[in-house]
Amino acid sequence: MNIIGYFQGIDPAACLVRDGELAAYIEEERLVRYKHAPGLFPVRAVEACLQQAGLTLADVDAFAYGWDVPRYTGGTMRAFYDRLNAQAPHDEGTRRWQNGTLSWFNEANVKERLRLALARHFGAPAPPTLCFFPHHASHAAAAFFLSPFDEALVCTIDGSGDSQCVTLWHGHGEALDLIHEIEIPHSLGWFYAALTEFLGFAAYDGEYKVMGLAAYGRENLAFRQALAKVVFPAENGFDYRVEPRYLHHGPHTFSGRFTDHLVELLGLPPRAPGALIEAVHEDLAFEAQRLLERNVLRLLRHFREATGLRHLCLGGGVALNIKMNSRLHRSGLFNDLFICPIPNDAGTAIGAALGVNRRLTSRRPAPLRHVYLGPAYDDAEVELQLQGCGLAYRRCDDIAEATAALLAQGKVVGWFQGAMEGGPRALGARSILADPRMVESRDRVNAAIKFREYWRPFCPSMTEEAVGRFTRDGTRAPFMILAFEASDEAHRQVPAVVHVDGTMRVQTVEEGTNPRFYRLLKAFERQTGVPVLLNTSFNVKGEAIVCSPRDALRTFWSTGLDALAIGNCLVEKPTTPLPLKPEEVIR
């Protein structure tokens, strides 16, 4: 059975679940080279998934879409919105958003978007069967069915999906039973998005910047008292409530995500995009992050005690918050946790496909070991691109040794190997790498290649067996979605990847899942004594992570990268400018 799961919205994506196993996944932005590709139908991602498996559209048994479309079509969501509007002052912006969702998720419109996309791209006269799976159930399915646990508490947290903002489930075997839900407008995702825009970043894009900025902040009791009026404990003692007048109901001079009431409450003008970051902005980020963590921790502590479940699976877009995840890891509430490596809405493509597969077959897949699920290119394809561009390169008998030597010399290298990783983190398939022993490496990557803000941390990739050496509380972390406290040796040996708060967002690398990247780390260790590399995504600010060899070459030549290790080929930039003939000098 072949099931294509897809998501259309911010970060559209598609996956292939083949005979119950996740076989392919890719985000549309990687193929169209348009960051996030908002609103596009992921038809090129669908095509790429089929190509990887050697299938055609005729081989697809069903498409899966991670929204509860019948609720929008049958009037249930309309009735839900009407109840909300009766409880709070009428707000035209909210009403327009509600009407927009009712139209977007109407079954006829959903089916027509699918039909048109497949007809235009594949020439298909009629699409395969389309199955719907509720949004938060899709997040939960991706988090639990890909986990190594037979039984767990499953929590999903996002802005909103259908009527829900948070759900808690009892996952056991092939089943997910809903325990509890928190519905609109009580959304921690919306709260954090509002503070993201208040601080001058784009919602659903800049939340990770707020998270990074929070590490520089200090306690600010005035902000704490103000934000406690926006998000506060519910009467039952474990839920939380969000006061909608600060986010939705009221005048919106500065942003559609927060009202002027929030500006008055905080006593601070919203920061304009690109304006100077001041200490007060760092403090506001600190307090927003603190509030998020405290509310999630209180909620999960209650349900850990109520259910007795000792394992946790986490999904939904808020699970991209590394600091929150790490707080849960350090809390000791759970024996172990699994955080879906693609927890945002793009990952509902996977969750919906797995949910539909479980519905049809009563089977769940094997635990997820890696996310190298995208396109791959062999050496013949790589060399064809290099030769077509007229570039000098050399073939290496051992690309890992050759690259390690350059990194040990202080060079910054683009690393393009194997199948592309899925999700927002570079995991050693499409990465920019540098020597973590020198803070100058970090600063150079920021200034000449990534063009990022000063507070954004870079992450270490290290061999799995080295995690105990460089962290105090580390564990297996293949998806770079947890941060650990850096050890004294890490502070001494790899300062470029230790964040200002003394933590590191780690990727542990196993030989069995990414053998070439593992060999690179071991080669670097032989040359330097350190099995760690500074790793950031192979892209520049505002662009999608590279997908193809041509993408890699374009980014390589337009940035300050010194070398490109692509397949078994190594491309190096000249160390000194080539002399110009007199007639070539531009005057």
Protein backbone atom coordinates (compact mmCIF):
# COMPACT_ATOMS: atom_id res chain seq x y z
CA MET A 1 0.00 0.00 0.00
CA ASN A 2 1.32 3.41 -1.02
CA ILE A 3 -0.02 6.47 0.83
CA ILE A 4 1.02 10.04 0.02
CA GLY A 5 0.62 12.42 2.95
CA TYR A 6 0.74 16.15 2.26
CA PHE A 7 0.44 19.52 3.92
CA GLN A 8 -0.44 22.78 2.18
CA GLY A 9 0.09 26.03 4.08
CA ILE A 10 3.25 27.47 5.63
CA ASP A 11 6.01 24.94 4.90
CA PRO A 12 4.11 22.66 2.48
CA ALA A 13 5.50 19.14 2.32
CA ALA A 14 4.78 15.61 1.17
CA CYS A 15 5.77 12.12 2.23
CA LEU A 16 5.38 8.54 1.06
CA VAL A 17 4.36 5.78 3.46
CA ARG A 18 5.00 2.51 1.65
CA ASP A 19 3.72 -0.72 3.17
CA GLY A 20 3.46 0.99 6.52
CA GLU A 21 6.98 2.48 6.59
CA LEU A 22 8.03 6.09 6.04
CA ALA A 23 9.95 5.89 2.76
CA ALA A 24 10.34 9.50 1.59
CA TYR A 25 9.72 13.06 2.78
CA ILE A 26 10.55 16.50 1.39
CA GLU A 27 9.49 20.11 1.87
CA GLU A 28 8.35 22.01 -1.21
CA GLU A 29 10.63 24.97 -0.42
CA ARG A 30 13.73 22.87 -1.12
CA LEU A 31 12.58 22.22 -4.67
CA VAL A 32 11.18 25.63 -5.63
CA ARG A 33 13.92 27.59 -3.76
CA TYR A 34 11.35 29.84 -2.08
CA LYS A 35 11.71 30.00 1.71
CA HIS A 36 8.73 28.29 3.39
CA ALA A 37 6.83 28.30 0.03
CA PRO A 38 3.67 29.44 1.89
CA GLY A 39 0.39 28.34 0.32
CA LEU A 40 1.88 26.37 -2.54
CA PHE A 41 0.55 22.91 -3.21
CA PRO A 42 3.50 20.51 -2.65
CA VAL A 43 3.16 18.87 -6.04
CA ARG A 44 6.91 18.83 -6.73
CA ALA A 45 7.44 17.20 -3.34
CA VAL A 46 4.84 14.59 -4.26
CA GLU A 47 6.69 13.94 -7.52
CA ALA A 48 10.06 13.70 -5.73
CA CYS A 49 8.70 11.15 -3.24
CA LEU A 50 7.35 9.01 -6.06
CA GLN A 51 10.61 9.24 -8.02
CA GLN A 52 12.64 8.13 -5.01
CA ALA A 53 10.52 5.00 -4.70
CA GLY A 54 10.33 4.33 -8.44
CA LEU A 55 6.57 4.81 -8.44
CA THR A 56 4.07 6.70 -10.56
CA LEU A 57 0.89 8.46 -9.52
CA ALA A 58 -1.05 5.37 -10.64
CA ASP A 59 0.67 3.38 -7.89
CA VAL A 60 -0.74 5.60 -5.11
CA ASP A 61 -3.60 4.03 -3.17
CA ALA A 62 -4.59 7.13 -1.19
CA PHE A 63 -3.67 10.71 -0.34
CA ALA A 64 -3.81 11.74 3.32
CA TYR A 65 -4.45 15.30 4.52
CA GLY A 66 -3.98 16.27 8.17
CA TRP A 67 -7.11 18.29 8.84
CA ASP A 68 -10.59 17.36 10.07
CA VAL A 69 -12.20 18.56 6.85
CA PRO A 70 -15.66 17.10 7.62
CA ARG A 71 -15.92 19.41 10.66
CA TYR A 72 -15.46 22.46 8.41
CA THR A 73 -17.81 21.19 5.74
CA GLY A 74 -20.60 19.87 7.95
CA GLY A 75 -21.09 22.99 10.09
CA THR A 76 -19.39 21.83 13.30
CA MET A 77 -16.56 24.35 13.06
CA ARG A 78 -18.99 27.13 12.17
CA ALA A 79 -20.97 26.35 15.32
CA PHE A 80 -17.74 26.30 17.35
CA TYR A 81 -16.74 29.74 16.05
CA ASP A 82 -20.22 31.10 16.78
CA ARG A 83 -19.95 29.96 20.40
CA LEU A 84 -16.57 31.69 20.71
CA ASN A 85 -17.89 34.91 19.22
CA ALA A 86 -20.80 34.92 21.65
CA GLN A 87 -18.37 34.73 24.59
CA ALA A 88 -16.10 37.62 23.58
CA PRO A 89 -16.47 41.05 21.97
CA HIS A 90 -17.03 40.83 18.23
CA ASP A 91 -13.78 41.28 16.31
CA GLU A 92 -13.84 41.63 12.52
CA GLY A 93 -10.27 40.40 12.06
CA THR A 94 -11.06 37.22 13.97
CA ARG A 95 -14.27 36.75 12.00
CA ARG A 96 -12.39 37.12 8.69
CA TRP A 97 -9.87 34.51 9.83
CA GLN A 98 -12.69 32.16 10.82
CA ASN A 99 -14.44 32.57 7.47
CA GLY A 100 -11.15 32.01 5.70
CA THR A 101 -10.55 28.68 7.44
CA LEU A 102 -14.12 27.56 6.71
CA SER A 103 -13.54 28.20 3.02
CA TRP A 104 -9.98 26.84 2.84
CA PHE A 105 -10.88 23.55 4.54
CA ASN A 106 -14.22 23.06 2.83
CA GLU A 107 -14.13 19.55 1.36
CA ALA A 108 -14.98 20.65 -2.17
CA ASN A 109 -12.18 23.24 -2.14
CA VAL A 110 -9.63 20.82 -0.66
CA LYS A 111 -10.43 18.21 -3.31
CA GLU A 112 -10.34 20.76 -6.10
CA ARG A 113 -6.89 22.03 -5.07
CA LEU A 114 -5.62 18.45 -5.13
CA ARG A 115 -7.28 17.71 -8.47
CA LEU A 116 -5.91 20.84 -10.13
CA ALA A 117 -2.38 20.33 -8.86
CA LEU A 118 -2.22 16.72 -10.04
CA ALA A 119 -3.89 17.48 -13.35
CA ARG A 120 -1.51 20.33 -14.18
CA HIS A 121 1.64 18.56 -13.06
CA PHE A 122 0.97 14.93 -13.91
CA GLY A 123 -1.86 15.20 -16.42
CA ALA A 124 -3.92 12.98 -14.13
CA PRO A 125 -7.65 13.06 -14.98
CA ALA A 126 -8.75 12.12 -11.44
CA PRO A 127 -6.82 11.95 -8.17
CA PRO A 128 -6.65 8.84 -5.99
CA THR A 129 -8.80 8.51 -2.87
CA LEU A 130 -8.36 11.43 -0.46
CA CYS A 131 -8.53 10.62 3.27
CA PHE A 132 -8.71 13.16 6.09
CA PHE A 133 -7.10 12.85 9.51
CA PRO A 134 -7.61 15.47 12.25
CA HIS A 135 -4.80 17.97 12.66
CA HIS A 136 -3.70 17.29 16.23
CA ALA A 137 -4.25 13.57 15.74
CA SER A 138 -1.77 13.87 12.85
CA HIS A 139 0.77 15.58 15.13
CA ALA A 140 0.19 12.86 17.73
CA ALA A 141 0.52 10.04 15.18
CA ALA A 142 3.86 11.36 13.94
CA ALA A 143 5.13 11.75 17.51
CA PHE A 144 4.00 8.37 18.86
CA PHE A 145 4.11 5.99 15.91
CA LEU A 146 7.69 7.01 15.05
CA SER A 147 8.82 6.74 18.68
CA PRO A 148 10.50 3.68 20.23
CA PHE A 149 7.82 3.45 22.94
CA ASP A 150 5.03 0.86 23.19
CA GLU A 151 3.22 3.11 25.63
CA ALA A 152 3.55 6.83 26.32
CA LEU A 153 1.87 10.09 27.17
CA VAL A 154 1.61 12.05 23.92
CA CYS A 155 1.34 15.84 23.93
CA THR A 156 0.84 18.14 20.93
CA ILE A 157 1.14 21.93 21.19
CA ASP A 158 0.80 24.43 18.34
CA GLY A 159 -0.92 27.67 17.35
CA SER A 160 -4.15 25.97 16.39
CA GLY A 161 -5.33 23.05 14.32
CA ASP A 162 -9.06 22.52 13.77
CA SER A 163 -10.45 23.78 17.12
CA GLN A 164 -7.53 22.58 19.25
CA CYS A 165 -4.32 24.19 20.52
CA VAL A 166 -3.14 21.39 22.84
CA THR A 167 -4.04 17.71 23.00
CA LEU A 168 -2.93 14.91 25.32
CA TRP A 169 -3.21 11.26 24.36
CA HIS A 170 -2.56 7.82 25.76
CA GLY A 171 -0.50 6.06 23.14
CA HIS A 172 -0.36 2.27 23.42
CA GLY A 173 0.52 -0.25 20.75
CA GLU A 174 -1.23 0.83 17.56
CA ALA A 175 -3.76 3.07 19.37
CA LEU A 176 -4.00 6.73 20.38
CA ASP A 177 -6.75 7.62 22.86
CA LEU A 178 -7.53 11.30 23.46
CA ILE A 179 -7.29 12.24 27.16
CA HIS A 180 -7.56 16.02 27.20
CA GLU A 181 -7.66 19.06 24.92
CA ILE A 182 -7.35 22.83 25.12
CA GLU A 183 -9.19 24.74 22.42
CA ILE A 184 -9.02 28.14 20.73
CA PRO A 185 -8.35 30.89 21.83
CA HIS A 186 -6.14 29.49 24.61
CA SER A 187 -3.05 29.00 22.53
CA LEU A 188 0.56 29.10 23.73
CA GLY A 189 1.60 28.97 20.09
CA TRP A 190 -0.38 32.12 19.33
CA PHE A 191 1.03 33.80 22.44
CA TYR A 192 4.61 33.05 21.40
CA ALA A 193 3.90 34.12 17.81
CA ALA A 194 2.50 37.42 19.10
CA LEU A 195 5.64 38.06 21.16
CA THR A 196 7.74 37.11 18.13
CA GLU A 197 6.11 39.88 16.10
CA PHE A 198 6.24 42.29 19.06
CA LEU A 199 10.00 41.77 19.09
CA GLY A 200 10.25 42.58 15.38
CA PHE A 201 10.44 39.11 13.81
CA ALA A 202 8.01 37.27 11.53
CA ALA A 203 5.57 34.89 13.22
CA TYR A 204 5.91 31.22 12.26
CA ASP A 205 9.46 32.00 11.11
CA GLY A 206 11.23 33.97 13.84
CA GLU A 207 10.20 32.08 16.98
CA TYR A 208 13.61 30.41 17.10
CA LYS A 209 15.15 33.88 17.20
CA VAL A 210 13.12 34.76 20.28
CA MET A 211 14.23 31.49 21.85
CA GLY A 212 17.88 32.28 21.16
CA LEU A 213 17.50 35.88 22.32
CA ALA A 214 15.97 34.69 25.61
CA ALA A 215 19.34 33.26 26.65
CA TYR A 216 20.72 36.82 26.80
CA GLY A 217 17.86 38.17 28.90
CA ARG A 218 17.45 38.76 32.62
CA GLU A 219 14.54 38.46 35.00
CA ASN A 220 12.17 41.40 34.63
CA LEU A 221 9.41 41.42 37.21
CA ALA A 222 7.45 44.16 35.45
CA PHE A 223 7.24 42.09 32.27
CA ARG A 224 6.50 38.98 34.33
CA GLN A 225 3.55 40.60 36.07
CA ALA A 226 2.25 41.97 32.76
CA LEU A 227 2.51 38.68 30.87
CA ALA A 228 0.76 36.92 33.76
CA LYS A 229 -2.36 38.83 32.68
CA VAL A 230 -2.02 37.41 29.16
CA VAL A 231 -1.41 33.75 30.06
CA PHE A 232 -2.48 32.47 33.48
CA PRO A 233 -3.46 29.22 35.22
CA ALA A 234 -6.98 27.93 34.71
CA GLU A 235 -9.33 27.25 37.61
CA ASN A 236 -8.58 23.52 37.50
CA GLY A 237 -4.96 24.27 38.43
CA PHE A 238 -3.21 22.51 35.55
CA ASP A 239 -4.59 24.05 32.36
CA TYR A 240 -3.87 27.62 31.34
CA ARG A 241 -5.95 30.37 29.80
CA VAL A 242 -5.07 33.14 27.32
CA GLU A 243 -6.82 36.50 27.57
CA PRO A 244 -7.92 37.19 23.96
CA ARG A 245 -8.11 40.98 24.32
CA TYR A 246 -4.30 41.12 24.23
CA LEU A 247 -3.95 39.01 21.09
CA HIS A 248 -7.20 39.19 19.14
CA HIS A 249 -9.98 41.41 20.40
CA GLY A 250 -9.13 45.07 20.06
CA PRO A 251 -7.35 47.55 17.79
CA HIS A 252 -4.39 46.21 15.78
CA THR A 253 -2.18 49.20 14.99
CA PHE A 254 1.08 47.24 14.79
CA SER A 255 0.25 43.61 14.02
CA GLY A 256 -2.61 41.26 13.37
CA ARG A 257 -1.20 38.96 16.06
CA PHE A 258 -1.43 41.32 19.04
CA THR A 259 -3.63 44.24 19.95
CA ASP A 260 -2.78 47.69 21.16
CA HIS A 261 -3.85 46.49 24.63
CA LEU A 262 -0.67 44.39 24.77
CA VAL A 263 1.47 47.42 23.87
CA GLU A 264 -0.16 49.40 26.67
CA LEU A 265 0.21 46.50 29.11
CA LEU A 266 3.94 46.05 28.46
CA GLY A 267 4.66 49.78 28.40
CA LEU A 268 7.04 49.27 25.51
CA PRO A 269 6.68 50.13 21.81
CA PRO A 270 6.96 47.11 19.51
CA ARG A 271 10.40 46.77 17.96
CA ALA A 272 10.52 47.56 14.25
CA PRO A 273 12.08 44.83 12.09
CA GLY A 274 15.77 45.54 11.70
CA ALA A 275 15.92 48.01 14.60
CA LEU A 276 18.60 47.75 17.25
CA ILE A 277 18.15 44.95 19.78
CA GLU A 278 18.30 46.43 23.29
CA ALA A 279 18.51 44.85 26.73
CA VAL A 280 14.78 45.38 27.25
CA HIS A 281 14.05 43.17 24.21
CA GLU A 282 16.31 40.44 25.58
CA ASP A 283 14.44 40.62 28.89
CA LEU A 284 11.04 40.38 27.22
CA ALA A 285 12.18 37.31 25.28
CA PHE A 286 13.45 35.80 28.55
CA GLU A 287 10.11 36.30 30.30
CA ALA A 288 8.06 35.03 27.33
CA GLN A 289 10.19 31.88 27.22
CA ARG A 290 9.90 31.42 30.97
CA LEU A 291 6.12 31.69 30.82
CA LEU A 292 5.90 29.12 28.02
CA GLU A 293 8.06 26.62 29.90
CA ARG A 294 6.23 26.99 33.21
CA ASN A 295 2.80 26.43 31.68
CA VAL A 296 3.86 23.38 29.68
CA LEU A 297 5.69 21.89 32.65
CA ARG A 298 2.68 22.36 34.95
CA LEU A 299 0.34 20.74 32.41
CA LEU A 300 2.59 17.74 31.80
CA ARG A 301 3.34 17.24 35.49
CA HIS A 302 -0.39 16.90 36.14
CA PHE A 303 -0.95 14.32 33.41
CA ARG A 304 2.21 12.40 34.28
CA GLU A 305 0.82 12.00 37.80
CA ALA A 306 -2.75 11.36 36.63
CA THR A 307 -1.81 8.66 34.11
CA GLY A 308 1.32 7.17 35.63
CA LEU A 309 2.89 7.13 32.16
CA ARG A 310 6.67 7.44 32.31
CA HIS A 311 7.48 8.13 28.66
CA LEU A 312 6.59 11.30 26.75
CA CYS A 313 6.15 11.95 23.02
CA LEU A 314 5.97 15.57 21.93
CA GLY A 315 4.68 17.07 18.67
CA GLY A 316 3.21 20.25 17.21
CA GLY A 317 5.03 23.40 16.18
CA VAL A 318 5.81 24.51 19.74
CA ALA A 319 7.94 21.34 20.07
CA LEU A 320 10.51 23.16 17.91
CA ASN A 321 11.31 25.19 21.03
CA ILE A 322 14.63 23.66 22.07
CA LYS A 323 14.78 25.44 25.44
CA MET A 324 11.33 24.11 26.41
CA ASN A 325 12.26 20.59 25.30
CA SER A 326 15.46 20.73 27.30
CA ARG A 327 13.62 21.95 30.39
CA LEU A 328 11.38 18.87 30.09
CA HIS A 329 14.43 16.64 29.68
CA ARG A 330 16.06 18.08 32.81
CA SER A 331 12.85 18.02 34.87
CA GLY A 332 13.02 14.27 35.54
CA LEU A 333 9.27 13.97 35.09
CA PHE A 334 9.70 11.26 32.48
CA ASN A 335 12.12 8.38 32.11
CA ASP A 336 12.58 9.21 28.45
CA LEU A 337 11.07 11.44 25.81
CA PHE A 338 10.79 11.36 22.03
CA ILE A 339 10.30 14.65 20.22
CA CYS A 340 9.13 14.36 16.64
CA PRO A 341 12.01 15.76 14.55
CA ILE A 342 9.52 17.43 12.18
CA PRO A 343 6.92 18.55 14.74
CA ASN A 344 5.53 21.59 12.89
CA ASP A 345 2.65 21.52 10.40
CA ALA A 346 4.90 20.19 7.64
CA GLY A 347 5.15 17.03 9.74
CA THR A 348 1.38 16.50 9.60
CA ALA A 349 2.02 15.14 6.12
CA ILE A 350 3.79 12.24 7.87
CA GLY A 351 1.31 11.99 10.73
CA ALA A 352 -1.73 11.97 8.47
CA ALA A 353 -0.22 9.26 6.24
CA LEU A 354 0.74 7.13 9.26
CA GLY A 355 -2.69 7.69 10.81
CA VAL A 356 -4.51 6.65 7.65
CA ASN A 357 -2.21 3.66 7.29
CA ARG A 358 -2.98 2.59 10.86
CA ARG A 359 -6.70 3.07 10.21
CA LEU A 360 -6.53 0.83 7.14
CA THR A 361 -4.03 -1.79 8.32
CA SER A 362 -3.83 -1.56 12.16
CA ARG A 363 -0.03 -1.36 11.83
CA ARG A 364 2.54 1.18 12.99
CA PRO A 365 6.00 1.66 11.47
CA ALA A 366 9.36 0.77 12.92
CA PRO A 367 10.86 3.44 15.22
CA LEU A 368 12.42 6.35 13.35
CA ARG A 369 16.22 6.18 13.23
CA HIS A 370 16.94 9.05 10.84
CA VAL A 371 15.33 11.64 8.58
CA TYR A 372 17.57 11.25 5.51
CA LEU A 373 14.45 10.86 3.41
CA GLY A 374 14.93 13.36 0.57
CA PRO A 375 16.60 13.31 -2.85
CA ALA A 376 20.13 11.92 -3.27
CA TYR A 377 22.59 12.41 -6.13
CA ASP A 378 25.34 10.01 -7.19
CA ASP A 379 28.85 11.01 -8.24
CA ALA A 380 27.98 10.88 -11.94
CA GLU A 381 25.24 13.49 -11.45
CA VAL A 382 27.54 15.61 -9.29
CA GLU A 383 30.39 15.56 -11.79
CA LEU A 384 28.04 16.38 -14.65
CA GLN A 385 27.11 19.59 -12.83
CA LEU A 386 30.71 20.43 -11.98
CA GLN A 387 31.86 19.91 -15.55
CA GLY A 388 28.90 21.80 -16.93
CA CYS A 389 29.88 24.78 -14.79
CA GLY A 390 33.50 24.52 -15.95
CA LEU A 391 34.80 24.06 -12.41
CA ALA A 392 38.08 22.57 -11.30
CA TYR A 393 37.69 19.82 -8.73
CA ARG A 394 39.43 16.71 -7.52
CA ARG A 395 38.10 13.24 -6.77
CA CYS A 396 39.04 12.01 -3.33
CA ASP A 397 39.67 8.42 -2.34
CA ASP A 398 38.52 9.42 1.16
CA ILE A 399 36.39 12.57 1.15
CA ALA A 400 36.10 12.46 4.95
CA GLU A 401 39.88 12.61 5.49
CA ALA A 402 40.34 15.34 2.89
CA THR A 403 37.55 17.45 4.37
CA ALA A 404 38.77 16.95 7.93
CA ALA A 405 42.19 18.26 6.91
CA LEU A 406 40.65 21.47 5.55
CA LEU A 407 38.50 21.93 8.65
CA ALA A 408 41.52 21.43 10.91
CA GLN A 409 43.24 24.25 8.99
CA GLY A 410 40.38 26.60 9.88
CA LYS A 411 38.56 26.34 6.53
CA VAL A 412 34.75 26.52 6.33
CA VAL A 413 33.32 23.76 4.18
CA GLY A 414 29.99 23.06 2.53
CA TRP A 415 29.12 19.38 3.05
CA PHE A 416 26.71 17.87 0.51
CA GLN A 417 26.32 14.11 0.93
CA GLY A 418 23.68 11.43 0.42
CA ALA A 419 19.95 11.86 0.81
CA MET A 420 18.75 15.24 2.04
CA GLU A 421 17.50 15.42 5.61
CA GLY A 422 13.91 16.42 6.33
CA GLY A 423 12.91 19.10 8.81
CA PRO A 424 14.44 22.44 9.75
CA ARG A 425 17.78 21.13 11.09
CA ALA A 426 20.91 20.36 9.07
CA LEU A 427 21.99 16.88 10.16
CA GLY A 428 25.10 16.24 8.12
CA ALA A 429 23.62 15.82 4.66
CA ARG A 430 23.26 19.48 3.65
CA SER A 431 25.51 21.26 6.17
CA ILE A 432 28.05 24.04 6.52
CA LEU A 433 30.86 22.85 8.79
CA ALA A 434 33.65 24.59 10.69
CA ASP A 435 36.19 23.99 13.44
CA PRO A 436 34.44 24.39 16.82
CA ARG A 437 37.70 24.95 18.70
CA MET A 438 37.91 28.58 17.59
CA VAL A 439 35.33 31.25 18.33
CA GLU A 440 36.64 32.98 15.20
CA SER A 441 35.14 30.14 13.16
CA ARG A 442 31.69 30.92 14.53
CA ASP A 443 32.07 34.64 13.90
CA ARG A 444 33.31 34.07 10.37
CA VAL A 445 30.42 31.74 9.52
CA ASN A 446 28.01 34.35 10.87
CA ALA A 447 29.57 37.32 9.12
CA ALA A 448 30.65 35.94 5.74
CA ILE A 449 28.31 33.03 5.10
CA LYS A 450 25.10 32.92 7.15
CA PHE A 451 24.65 36.68 7.72
CA ARG A 452 22.85 35.96 11.02
CA GLU A 453 22.19 37.87 14.22
CA TYR A 454 24.76 37.84 17.04
CA TRP A 455 22.59 35.88 19.49
CA ARG A 456 21.93 32.91 17.21
CA PRO A 457 23.84 29.83 18.44
CA PHE A 458 25.59 27.29 16.22
CA CYS A 459 25.20 23.63 16.98
CA PRO A 460 27.73 20.86 17.52
CA SER A 461 27.55 17.53 15.72
CA MET A 462 29.50 14.88 17.58
CA THR A 463 29.95 11.13 17.60
CA GLU A 464 27.37 9.44 19.80
CA GLU A 465 30.03 8.05 22.11
CA ALA A 466 31.40 11.57 22.77
CA VAL A 467 28.20 13.04 24.25
CA GLY A 468 29.19 12.13 27.81
CA ARG A 469 32.53 13.86 27.34
CA PHE A 470 31.18 17.20 26.16
CA THR A 471 27.87 17.46 28.05
CA ARG A 472 26.81 17.02 31.67
CA ASP A 473 23.33 15.64 31.03
CA GLY A 474 23.42 14.50 27.42
CA THR A 475 21.85 11.47 25.83
CA ARG A 476 21.29 10.14 22.33
CA ALA A 477 20.07 13.13 20.30
CA PRO A 478 20.18 12.41 16.55
CA PHE A 479 17.72 15.14 15.55
CA MET A 480 19.28 18.27 17.12
CA ILE A 481 16.10 19.05 19.02
CA LEU A 482 17.49 19.02 22.57
CA ALA A 483 20.09 21.17 24.31
CA PHE A 484 22.34 19.92 27.10
CA GLU A 485 24.56 21.61 29.64
CA ALA A 486 28.09 21.90 28.28
CA SER A 487 30.85 20.21 30.24
CA ASP A 488 34.01 21.96 31.38
CA GLU A 489 35.85 20.25 28.52
CA ALA A 490 33.33 21.62 26.04
CA HIS A 491 33.92 25.15 27.33
CA ARG A 492 37.66 24.66 26.90
CA GLN A 493 37.82 22.64 23.69
CA VAL A 494 34.80 23.69 21.58
CA PRO A 495 33.81 27.22 22.67
CA ALA A 496 32.37 28.10 19.26
CA VAL A 497 29.37 25.81 19.86
CA VAL A 498 28.65 26.66 23.52
CA HIS A 499 25.77 29.12 23.81
CA VAL A 500 25.85 32.12 26.15
CA ASP A 501 23.67 30.23 28.66
CA GLY A 502 26.19 27.39 28.86
CA THR A 503 24.20 24.90 26.78
CA MET A 504 24.71 23.20 23.44
CA ARG A 505 22.02 22.05 20.99
CA VAL A 506 23.58 18.72 20.11
CA GLN A 507 23.34 16.27 17.25
CA THR A 508 24.75 12.86 18.07
CA VAL A 509 25.87 10.96 14.98
CA GLU A 510 25.73 7.17 14.67
CA GLU A 511 27.86 5.23 12.22
CA GLY A 512 24.90 3.16 11.09
CA THR A 513 22.63 6.07 10.11
CA ASN A 514 25.12 8.47 8.50
CA PRO A 515 28.40 6.57 7.97
CA ARG A 516 30.16 9.23 5.88
CA PHE A 517 29.44 12.04 8.35
CA TYR A 518 30.50 9.76 11.20
CA ARG A 519 33.78 9.02 9.39
CA LEU A 520 34.33 12.77 8.97
CA LEU A 521 33.94 13.31 12.72
CA LYS A 522 36.34 10.47 13.46
CA ALA A 523 38.85 11.83 10.92
CA PHE A 524 38.63 15.28 12.52
CA GLU A 525 39.18 13.65 15.92
CA ARG A 526 42.33 11.91 14.68
CA GLN A 527 43.69 15.22 13.46
CA THR A 528 42.62 17.46 16.36
CA GLY A 529 41.58 15.25 19.29
CA VAL A 530 38.02 16.58 19.07
CA PRO A 531 35.16 14.49 17.56
CA VAL A 532 32.96 17.58 17.21
CA LEU A 533 32.15 19.96 14.35
CA LEU A 534 30.28 23.25 14.19
CA ASN A 535 27.27 22.45 12.02
CA THR A 536 24.75 24.82 10.50
CA SER A 537 22.37 24.49 7.58
CA PHE A 538 23.71 24.81 4.03
CA ASN A 539 21.96 28.03 3.07
CA VAL A 540 22.17 31.76 3.58
CA LYS A 541 19.72 33.88 5.51
CA GLY A 542 16.31 33.98 3.87
CA GLU A 543 16.89 31.00 1.56
CA ALA A 544 15.87 27.37 1.79
CA ILE A 545 18.46 24.71 2.61
CA VAL A 546 20.13 23.50 -0.60
CA CYS A 547 18.70 20.39 -2.21
CA SER A 548 20.51 19.72 -5.51
CA PRO A 549 24.17 19.97 -6.58
CA ARG A 550 23.30 23.12 -8.54
CA ASP A 551 21.83 24.70 -5.40
CA ALA A 552 25.00 23.82 -3.49
CA LEU A 553 27.26 25.34 -6.14
CA ARG A 554 25.25 28.55 -6.28
CA THR A 555 25.42 28.99 -2.50
CA PHE A 556 29.10 28.00 -2.41
CA TRP A 557 30.17 30.66 -4.91
CA SER A 558 27.95 33.39 -3.47
CA THR A 559 29.27 33.12 0.10
CA GLY A 560 32.56 33.01 1.97
CA LEU A 561 32.79 29.21 1.99
CA ASP A 562 36.31 27.96 1.35
CA ALA A 563 35.52 24.52 -0.03
CA LEU A 564 32.68 22.24 -1.06
CA ALA A 565 32.74 18.50 -0.36
CA ILE A 566 30.08 17.14 -2.69
CA GLY A 567 29.93 13.40 -3.07
CA ASN A 568 33.52 12.21 -3.53
CA CYS A 569 34.48 15.51 -5.19
CA LEU A 570 36.18 18.45 -3.53
CA VAL A 571 35.97 21.99 -4.91
CA GLU A 572 38.22 24.66 -3.40
CA LYS A 573 38.29 28.37 -4.01
CA PRO A 574 41.61 29.96 -4.97
CA THR A 575 43.45 31.25 -1.93
CA THR A 576 44.74 34.31 -3.84
CA PRO A 577 43.00 36.27 -6.59
CA LEU A 578 43.98 35.32 -10.12
CA PRO A 579 45.91 38.14 -11.88
CA LEU A 580 44.00 39.98 -14.55
CA LYS A 581 45.34 40.77 -17.95
CA PRO A 582 45.41 44.53 -18.70
CA GLU A 583 42.52 44.24 -21.15
CA GLU A 584 40.40 42.49 -18.48
CA VAL A 585 40.64 45.27 -15.90
CA ILE A 586 37.36 47.12 -15.49
CA ARG A 587 38.08 50.85 -15.29
